N, C-alpha and C. Protein backbone atom coordinates (compact mmCIF):
# COMPACT_ATOMS: atom_id res chain seq x y z
N MET A 1 24.22 8.76 8.83
CA MET A 1 24.19 7.94 10.03
C MET A 1 22.80 7.93 10.66
N LYS A 2 22.04 9.00 10.49
CA LYS A 2 20.72 9.12 11.08
C LYS A 2 19.76 8.08 10.49
N ILE A 3 19.81 7.85 9.19
CA ILE A 3 18.94 6.86 8.56
C ILE A 3 19.24 5.47 9.10
N PHE A 4 20.51 5.15 9.30
CA PHE A 4 20.88 3.85 9.86
C PHE A 4 20.29 3.68 11.25
N ASP A 5 20.32 4.74 12.08
CA ASP A 5 19.75 4.67 13.43
C ASP A 5 18.24 4.46 13.39
N GLU A 6 17.57 5.14 12.46
CA GLU A 6 16.12 4.96 12.32
C GLU A 6 15.80 3.54 11.87
N PHE A 7 16.58 3.01 10.93
CA PHE A 7 16.38 1.65 10.46
C PHE A 7 16.60 0.65 11.59
N LYS A 8 17.63 0.88 12.39
CA LYS A 8 17.93 0.01 13.53
C LYS A 8 16.78 0.03 14.53
N ALA A 9 16.22 1.21 14.80
CA ALA A 9 15.08 1.33 15.73
C ALA A 9 13.86 0.60 15.17
N PHE A 10 13.68 0.69 13.85
CA PHE A 10 12.55 0.01 13.20
C PHE A 10 12.69 -1.51 13.31
N ILE A 11 13.88 -2.01 13.04
CA ILE A 11 14.12 -3.45 13.08
C ILE A 11 13.99 -4.00 14.50
N LEU A 12 14.44 -3.26 15.47
CA LEU A 12 14.42 -3.74 16.85
C LEU A 12 13.13 -3.42 17.58
N ARG A 13 12.17 -2.86 16.88
CA ARG A 13 10.88 -2.57 17.50
C ARG A 13 10.22 -3.87 17.92
N GLY A 14 9.61 -3.88 19.07
CA GLY A 14 9.06 -5.12 19.63
C GLY A 14 8.02 -5.79 18.77
N ASN A 15 7.08 -5.04 18.22
CA ASN A 15 6.01 -5.68 17.46
C ASN A 15 6.51 -6.28 16.15
N LEU A 16 7.58 -5.76 15.59
CA LEU A 16 8.15 -6.33 14.37
C LEU A 16 8.78 -7.70 14.66
N ILE A 17 9.47 -7.80 15.77
CA ILE A 17 10.07 -9.07 16.17
C ILE A 17 8.98 -10.09 16.50
N ASP A 18 7.93 -9.65 17.18
CA ASP A 18 6.81 -10.54 17.49
C ASP A 18 6.16 -11.06 16.21
N LEU A 19 6.01 -10.18 15.23
CA LEU A 19 5.41 -10.59 13.96
C LEU A 19 6.29 -11.61 13.25
N ALA A 20 7.60 -11.39 13.25
CA ALA A 20 8.52 -12.34 12.61
C ALA A 20 8.45 -13.71 13.29
N ILE A 21 8.39 -13.72 14.60
CA ILE A 21 8.28 -14.98 15.34
C ILE A 21 6.96 -15.67 15.01
N ALA A 22 5.88 -14.90 14.93
CA ALA A 22 4.57 -15.48 14.60
C ALA A 22 4.58 -16.11 13.21
N ILE A 23 5.24 -15.46 12.26
CA ILE A 23 5.30 -16.02 10.90
C ILE A 23 6.08 -17.33 10.90
N VAL A 24 7.21 -17.37 11.59
CA VAL A 24 8.01 -18.59 11.63
C VAL A 24 7.23 -19.72 12.29
N ILE A 25 6.56 -19.43 13.39
CA ILE A 25 5.76 -20.46 14.07
C ILE A 25 4.59 -20.89 13.18
N GLY A 26 3.99 -19.94 12.47
CA GLY A 26 2.89 -20.28 11.55
C GLY A 26 3.34 -21.20 10.44
N VAL A 27 4.51 -20.94 9.87
CA VAL A 27 5.03 -21.79 8.81
C VAL A 27 5.33 -23.19 9.35
N ALA A 28 5.92 -23.26 10.54
CA ALA A 28 6.21 -24.57 11.14
C ALA A 28 4.92 -25.33 11.44
N PHE A 29 3.92 -24.61 11.94
CA PHE A 29 2.63 -25.22 12.25
C PHE A 29 1.97 -25.74 10.97
N THR A 30 2.06 -24.96 9.90
CA THR A 30 1.50 -25.38 8.62
C THR A 30 2.18 -26.65 8.12
N ALA A 31 3.49 -26.74 8.29
CA ALA A 31 4.22 -27.94 7.86
C ALA A 31 3.76 -29.16 8.66
N VAL A 32 3.54 -28.98 9.94
CA VAL A 32 3.08 -30.09 10.79
C VAL A 32 1.68 -30.54 10.36
N ILE A 33 0.78 -29.58 10.14
CA ILE A 33 -0.59 -29.92 9.73
C ILE A 33 -0.59 -30.58 8.36
N THR A 34 0.22 -30.07 7.43
CA THR A 34 0.29 -30.68 6.10
C THR A 34 0.79 -32.12 6.19
N ALA A 35 1.79 -32.36 7.01
CA ALA A 35 2.28 -33.73 7.19
C ALA A 35 1.20 -34.61 7.82
N LEU A 36 0.46 -34.07 8.78
CA LEU A 36 -0.63 -34.82 9.40
C LEU A 36 -1.67 -35.21 8.37
N VAL A 37 -2.04 -34.27 7.51
CA VAL A 37 -3.07 -34.54 6.51
C VAL A 37 -2.57 -35.54 5.47
N VAL A 38 -1.38 -35.30 4.91
CA VAL A 38 -0.86 -36.14 3.83
C VAL A 38 -0.51 -37.54 4.32
N ASP A 39 0.09 -37.65 5.51
CA ASP A 39 0.59 -38.95 5.96
C ASP A 39 -0.38 -39.74 6.82
N ILE A 40 -1.34 -39.08 7.45
CA ILE A 40 -2.22 -39.81 8.37
C ILE A 40 -3.70 -39.72 7.98
N ILE A 41 -4.21 -38.51 7.80
CA ILE A 41 -5.66 -38.35 7.61
C ILE A 41 -6.12 -38.85 6.24
N THR A 42 -5.50 -38.37 5.16
CA THR A 42 -5.99 -38.79 3.83
C THR A 42 -5.77 -40.27 3.54
N PRO A 43 -4.72 -40.93 4.04
CA PRO A 43 -4.67 -42.39 3.83
C PRO A 43 -5.80 -43.12 4.55
N ILE A 44 -6.26 -42.58 5.67
CA ILE A 44 -7.38 -43.21 6.38
C ILE A 44 -8.68 -42.97 5.62
N ILE A 45 -8.86 -41.76 5.08
CA ILE A 45 -10.09 -41.42 4.35
C ILE A 45 -10.17 -42.17 3.02
N SER A 46 -9.05 -42.28 2.32
CA SER A 46 -9.06 -42.92 1.00
C SER A 46 -9.23 -44.43 1.15
N ILE A 47 -9.27 -45.10 0.03
CA ILE A 47 -9.42 -46.56 0.04
C ILE A 47 -8.11 -47.16 0.53
N PRO A 48 -8.10 -47.78 1.73
CA PRO A 48 -6.86 -48.29 2.30
C PRO A 48 -6.20 -49.34 1.39
N GLY A 49 -4.90 -49.14 1.16
CA GLY A 49 -4.13 -50.08 0.38
C GLY A 49 -4.30 -49.94 -1.12
N LYS A 50 -5.25 -49.16 -1.57
CA LYS A 50 -5.51 -49.04 -3.00
C LYS A 50 -4.97 -47.72 -3.57
N ILE A 51 -5.39 -46.61 -2.99
CA ILE A 51 -5.01 -45.32 -3.56
C ILE A 51 -4.96 -44.26 -2.45
N THR A 52 -4.04 -43.35 -2.57
CA THR A 52 -3.99 -42.22 -1.64
C THR A 52 -4.42 -40.97 -2.40
N PHE A 53 -4.78 -39.93 -1.68
CA PHE A 53 -5.23 -38.70 -2.33
C PHE A 53 -4.17 -38.11 -3.24
N SER A 54 -2.92 -38.16 -2.82
CA SER A 54 -1.87 -37.53 -3.63
C SER A 54 -1.67 -38.26 -4.97
N ALA A 55 -2.17 -39.48 -5.06
CA ALA A 55 -2.03 -40.24 -6.31
C ALA A 55 -3.17 -39.95 -7.28
N ILE A 56 -4.18 -39.23 -6.85
CA ILE A 56 -5.31 -38.92 -7.72
C ILE A 56 -4.90 -37.81 -8.69
N THR A 57 -4.88 -38.12 -9.96
CA THR A 57 -4.54 -37.14 -10.99
C THR A 57 -5.52 -37.25 -12.14
N LEU A 58 -5.53 -36.21 -12.95
CA LEU A 58 -6.37 -36.19 -14.14
C LEU A 58 -5.52 -35.63 -15.27
N THR A 59 -5.48 -36.35 -16.38
CA THR A 59 -4.71 -35.88 -17.52
C THR A 59 -5.66 -35.21 -18.50
N LEU A 60 -5.35 -33.96 -18.83
CA LEU A 60 -6.21 -33.19 -19.71
C LEU A 60 -5.33 -32.44 -20.71
N ASN A 61 -5.47 -32.76 -21.99
CA ASN A 61 -4.67 -32.15 -23.07
C ASN A 61 -3.17 -32.27 -22.81
N GLY A 62 -2.74 -33.41 -22.31
CA GLY A 62 -1.32 -33.64 -22.07
C GLY A 62 -0.82 -33.04 -20.77
N SER A 63 -1.67 -32.37 -20.02
CA SER A 63 -1.27 -31.79 -18.73
C SER A 63 -1.83 -32.65 -17.60
N THR A 64 -1.05 -32.79 -16.55
CA THR A 64 -1.49 -33.58 -15.41
C THR A 64 -2.01 -32.64 -14.32
N LEU A 65 -3.25 -32.84 -13.95
CA LEU A 65 -3.87 -32.06 -12.86
C LEU A 65 -3.80 -32.90 -11.59
N LYS A 66 -3.13 -32.39 -10.60
CA LYS A 66 -2.94 -33.12 -9.34
C LYS A 66 -4.10 -32.81 -8.40
N ILE A 67 -5.20 -33.47 -8.60
CA ILE A 67 -6.41 -33.24 -7.82
C ILE A 67 -6.20 -33.67 -6.38
N GLY A 68 -5.50 -34.77 -6.18
CA GLY A 68 -5.25 -35.26 -4.82
C GLY A 68 -4.43 -34.29 -3.99
N ASP A 69 -3.41 -33.68 -4.58
CA ASP A 69 -2.63 -32.68 -3.85
C ASP A 69 -3.49 -31.48 -3.48
N PHE A 70 -4.38 -31.09 -4.40
CA PHE A 70 -5.29 -29.99 -4.10
C PHE A 70 -6.22 -30.35 -2.94
N LEU A 71 -6.75 -31.59 -2.93
CA LEU A 71 -7.61 -32.02 -1.82
C LEU A 71 -6.84 -32.02 -0.50
N ASN A 72 -5.58 -32.46 -0.52
CA ASN A 72 -4.75 -32.41 0.68
C ASN A 72 -4.59 -30.97 1.18
N ALA A 73 -4.37 -30.04 0.26
CA ALA A 73 -4.22 -28.63 0.64
C ALA A 73 -5.51 -28.07 1.22
N VAL A 74 -6.64 -28.45 0.64
CA VAL A 74 -7.93 -27.98 1.17
C VAL A 74 -8.16 -28.52 2.57
N ILE A 75 -7.89 -29.79 2.79
CA ILE A 75 -8.07 -30.38 4.12
C ILE A 75 -7.13 -29.71 5.12
N SER A 76 -5.89 -29.47 4.72
CA SER A 76 -4.94 -28.77 5.60
C SER A 76 -5.44 -27.39 5.96
N PHE A 77 -5.95 -26.65 4.97
CA PHE A 77 -6.48 -25.32 5.22
C PHE A 77 -7.63 -25.35 6.21
N VAL A 78 -8.55 -26.30 6.04
CA VAL A 78 -9.70 -26.39 6.94
C VAL A 78 -9.25 -26.70 8.37
N ILE A 79 -8.29 -27.59 8.52
CA ILE A 79 -7.79 -27.92 9.86
C ILE A 79 -7.10 -26.71 10.49
N ILE A 80 -6.26 -26.01 9.74
CA ILE A 80 -5.57 -24.83 10.27
C ILE A 80 -6.57 -23.76 10.64
N ALA A 81 -7.57 -23.54 9.78
CA ALA A 81 -8.60 -22.53 10.07
C ALA A 81 -9.38 -22.91 11.33
N ALA A 82 -9.69 -24.19 11.51
CA ALA A 82 -10.42 -24.63 12.70
C ALA A 82 -9.58 -24.43 13.95
N VAL A 83 -8.30 -24.78 13.88
CA VAL A 83 -7.42 -24.59 15.05
C VAL A 83 -7.33 -23.12 15.41
N LEU A 84 -7.12 -22.26 14.42
CA LEU A 84 -7.04 -20.82 14.69
C LEU A 84 -8.35 -20.30 15.27
N PHE A 85 -9.48 -20.75 14.72
CA PHE A 85 -10.77 -20.27 15.21
C PHE A 85 -11.02 -20.69 16.65
N PHE A 86 -10.81 -21.98 16.96
CA PHE A 86 -11.15 -22.48 18.29
C PHE A 86 -10.11 -22.17 19.36
N PHE A 87 -8.86 -21.97 18.96
CA PHE A 87 -7.82 -21.75 19.96
C PHE A 87 -7.28 -20.32 20.00
N VAL A 88 -7.66 -19.48 19.02
CA VAL A 88 -7.21 -18.08 19.04
C VAL A 88 -8.41 -17.14 19.02
N VAL A 89 -9.26 -17.25 18.00
CA VAL A 89 -10.35 -16.29 17.82
C VAL A 89 -11.38 -16.38 18.94
N LYS A 90 -11.90 -17.57 19.21
CA LYS A 90 -12.92 -17.72 20.25
C LYS A 90 -12.41 -17.29 21.62
N PRO A 91 -11.23 -17.74 22.08
CA PRO A 91 -10.75 -17.26 23.38
C PRO A 91 -10.54 -15.74 23.43
N MET A 92 -10.07 -15.15 22.33
CA MET A 92 -9.89 -13.69 22.32
C MET A 92 -11.23 -12.97 22.38
N ASN A 93 -12.25 -13.48 21.69
CA ASN A 93 -13.57 -12.87 21.74
C ASN A 93 -14.15 -12.94 23.15
N VAL A 94 -13.97 -14.08 23.81
CA VAL A 94 -14.46 -14.23 25.19
C VAL A 94 -13.71 -13.26 26.11
N LEU A 95 -12.41 -13.17 25.94
CA LEU A 95 -11.60 -12.28 26.77
C LEU A 95 -11.97 -10.82 26.54
N MET A 96 -12.15 -10.43 25.28
CA MET A 96 -12.52 -9.04 24.97
C MET A 96 -13.91 -8.71 25.50
N ALA A 97 -14.84 -9.66 25.42
CA ALA A 97 -16.19 -9.42 25.93
C ALA A 97 -16.18 -9.26 27.45
N ARG A 98 -15.31 -10.00 28.11
CA ARG A 98 -15.22 -9.93 29.57
C ARG A 98 -14.70 -8.57 30.03
N TYR A 99 -13.76 -8.01 29.30
CA TYR A 99 -13.15 -6.75 29.71
C TYR A 99 -13.70 -5.54 28.96
N LYS A 100 -14.78 -5.72 28.22
CA LYS A 100 -15.40 -4.62 27.50
C LYS A 100 -16.06 -3.69 28.50
N PRO A 101 -15.79 -2.39 28.39
CA PRO A 101 -16.40 -1.47 29.36
C PRO A 101 -17.92 -1.41 29.17
N THR A 102 -18.63 -1.39 30.27
CA THR A 102 -20.08 -1.30 30.21
C THR A 102 -20.48 0.18 30.20
N PRO A 103 -21.51 0.53 29.45
CA PRO A 103 -21.93 1.92 29.42
C PRO A 103 -22.51 2.33 30.76
N GLU A 104 -22.31 3.60 31.11
CA GLU A 104 -22.85 4.09 32.37
C GLU A 104 -24.36 4.20 32.27
N PRO A 105 -25.06 3.82 33.34
CA PRO A 105 -26.52 3.96 33.31
C PRO A 105 -26.88 5.45 33.32
N PRO A 106 -28.04 5.81 32.78
CA PRO A 106 -28.43 7.21 32.78
C PRO A 106 -28.57 7.75 34.20
N SER A 107 -28.21 8.99 34.36
CA SER A 107 -28.25 9.61 35.68
C SER A 107 -29.69 9.75 36.17
N GLU A 108 -29.89 9.54 37.45
CA GLU A 108 -31.23 9.68 38.03
C GLU A 108 -31.43 11.07 38.61
N THR A 109 -30.39 11.89 38.54
CA THR A 109 -30.51 13.25 39.07
C THR A 109 -30.04 14.25 38.03
N LYS A 110 -30.40 15.50 38.25
CA LYS A 110 -29.96 16.61 37.40
C LYS A 110 -29.67 17.79 38.31
N GLU A 111 -29.09 18.82 37.73
CA GLU A 111 -28.79 20.03 38.50
C GLU A 111 -29.92 21.03 38.36
N CYS A 112 -30.28 21.66 39.45
CA CYS A 112 -31.24 22.76 39.40
C CYS A 112 -30.53 23.93 38.73
N PRO A 113 -31.14 24.54 37.71
CA PRO A 113 -30.48 25.64 37.01
C PRO A 113 -30.34 26.91 37.86
N TYR A 114 -31.04 26.97 38.99
CA TYR A 114 -31.02 28.19 39.82
C TYR A 114 -30.03 28.08 40.99
N CYS A 115 -30.10 26.96 41.71
CA CYS A 115 -29.21 26.84 42.88
C CYS A 115 -28.11 25.80 42.68
N LEU A 116 -28.15 25.10 41.55
CA LEU A 116 -27.15 24.08 41.18
C LEU A 116 -27.11 22.90 42.14
N SER A 117 -28.23 22.65 42.83
CA SER A 117 -28.35 21.48 43.70
C SER A 117 -28.74 20.28 42.86
N SER A 118 -28.46 19.10 43.37
CA SER A 118 -28.81 17.86 42.68
C SER A 118 -30.24 17.49 43.04
N ILE A 119 -31.09 17.35 42.00
CA ILE A 119 -32.51 17.03 42.21
C ILE A 119 -32.89 15.88 41.29
N PRO A 120 -33.99 15.17 41.58
CA PRO A 120 -34.42 14.08 40.70
C PRO A 120 -34.72 14.57 39.28
N VAL A 121 -34.55 13.72 38.30
CA VAL A 121 -34.72 14.08 36.90
C VAL A 121 -36.15 14.54 36.61
N ASN A 122 -37.14 13.90 37.20
CA ASN A 122 -38.54 14.21 36.92
C ASN A 122 -39.11 15.33 37.79
N ALA A 123 -38.30 15.98 38.60
CA ALA A 123 -38.79 17.03 39.49
C ALA A 123 -39.26 18.24 38.69
N THR A 124 -40.36 18.85 39.16
CA THR A 124 -40.86 20.07 38.53
C THR A 124 -40.60 21.29 39.40
N ARG A 125 -40.16 21.03 40.64
CA ARG A 125 -39.81 22.11 41.57
C ARG A 125 -38.57 21.67 42.35
N CYS A 126 -37.64 22.58 42.54
CA CYS A 126 -36.41 22.28 43.27
C CYS A 126 -36.71 22.14 44.75
N ALA A 127 -36.22 21.08 45.36
CA ALA A 127 -36.46 20.84 46.79
C ALA A 127 -35.62 21.77 47.67
N PHE A 128 -34.60 22.38 47.12
CA PHE A 128 -33.69 23.20 47.92
C PHE A 128 -34.05 24.68 47.84
N CYS A 129 -34.25 25.19 46.62
CA CYS A 129 -34.55 26.63 46.49
C CYS A 129 -36.01 26.87 46.16
N THR A 130 -36.79 25.84 46.03
CA THR A 130 -38.23 25.84 45.71
C THR A 130 -38.57 26.56 44.41
N SER A 131 -37.61 26.70 43.54
CA SER A 131 -37.89 27.33 42.25
C SER A 131 -38.67 26.36 41.39
N GLU A 132 -39.63 26.91 40.64
CA GLU A 132 -40.40 26.10 39.72
C GLU A 132 -39.56 25.88 38.47
N LEU A 133 -39.51 24.65 38.01
CA LEU A 133 -38.69 24.31 36.85
C LEU A 133 -39.61 24.15 35.65
N ASP A 134 -39.46 25.01 34.64
CA ASP A 134 -40.26 24.88 33.43
C ASP A 134 -39.65 23.81 32.54
N ALA A 135 -40.28 23.53 31.41
CA ALA A 135 -39.82 22.45 30.52
C ALA A 135 -38.41 22.71 30.02
N ALA A 136 -38.07 23.96 29.71
CA ALA A 136 -36.72 24.28 29.22
C ALA A 136 -35.70 24.10 30.33
N ALA A 137 -36.08 24.42 31.56
CA ALA A 137 -35.15 24.31 32.68
C ALA A 137 -34.98 22.86 33.12
N THR A 138 -36.00 22.03 32.92
CA THR A 138 -35.89 20.63 33.35
C THR A 138 -35.05 19.82 32.39
N ALA A 139 -34.86 20.32 31.17
CA ALA A 139 -33.98 19.61 30.24
C ALA A 139 -32.56 19.71 30.75
N GLN A 140 -31.83 18.65 30.61
CA GLN A 140 -30.44 18.60 31.08
C GLN A 140 -29.59 19.57 30.25
N PRO A 141 -28.96 20.57 30.85
CA PRO A 141 -28.12 21.49 30.07
C PRO A 141 -26.86 20.80 29.62
N ALA A 142 -26.28 21.29 28.53
CA ALA A 142 -25.04 20.74 28.02
C ALA A 142 -23.94 21.03 29.00
N VAL A 143 -22.90 20.22 28.97
CA VAL A 143 -21.76 20.38 29.91
C VAL A 143 -21.11 21.72 29.66
N GLY A 144 -20.93 22.48 30.74
CA GLY A 144 -20.24 23.77 30.65
C GLY A 144 -21.14 24.90 30.21
N VAL A 145 -22.43 24.63 29.93
CA VAL A 145 -23.35 25.68 29.50
C VAL A 145 -24.30 25.97 30.65
N LYS A 146 -24.38 27.23 31.06
CA LYS A 146 -25.29 27.60 32.14
C LYS A 146 -26.59 28.09 31.53
N PRO A 147 -27.69 27.74 32.16
CA PRO A 147 -28.98 28.20 31.63
C PRO A 147 -29.10 29.71 31.76
N SER A 148 -29.84 30.34 30.88
CA SER A 148 -29.97 31.80 30.92
C SER A 148 -31.15 32.23 31.76
């Protein structure tokens, strides 16, 4: 019974249902674009009244190569790729760039290793305890490490 419960949880997981819906909508969208290409776009591109793309074939060694159907599929692919790029990828890139966290600017202060007061980064003497800061002391210590 435990395996059945795990399977049920897997099937009812939200992202799995979302994926299934996306696939169904994608297939429906592909059918619409294919119909648009075959019934509207390629008859306009081809010689009107003479030949359509789907009628273009080549016979080679007794086999019929449907070049027109292949051209229809290529045009459909390009249209679907363009729609996905301009209506999904570009808006998501803009949205992600807008909400991308910006790095923190470098700190303009550091801690004095003697009195632990906040002093400017380029200071050579602490303004609070007047201790002279040597090159090793002016370097920013690692977090949680106290200077010796």
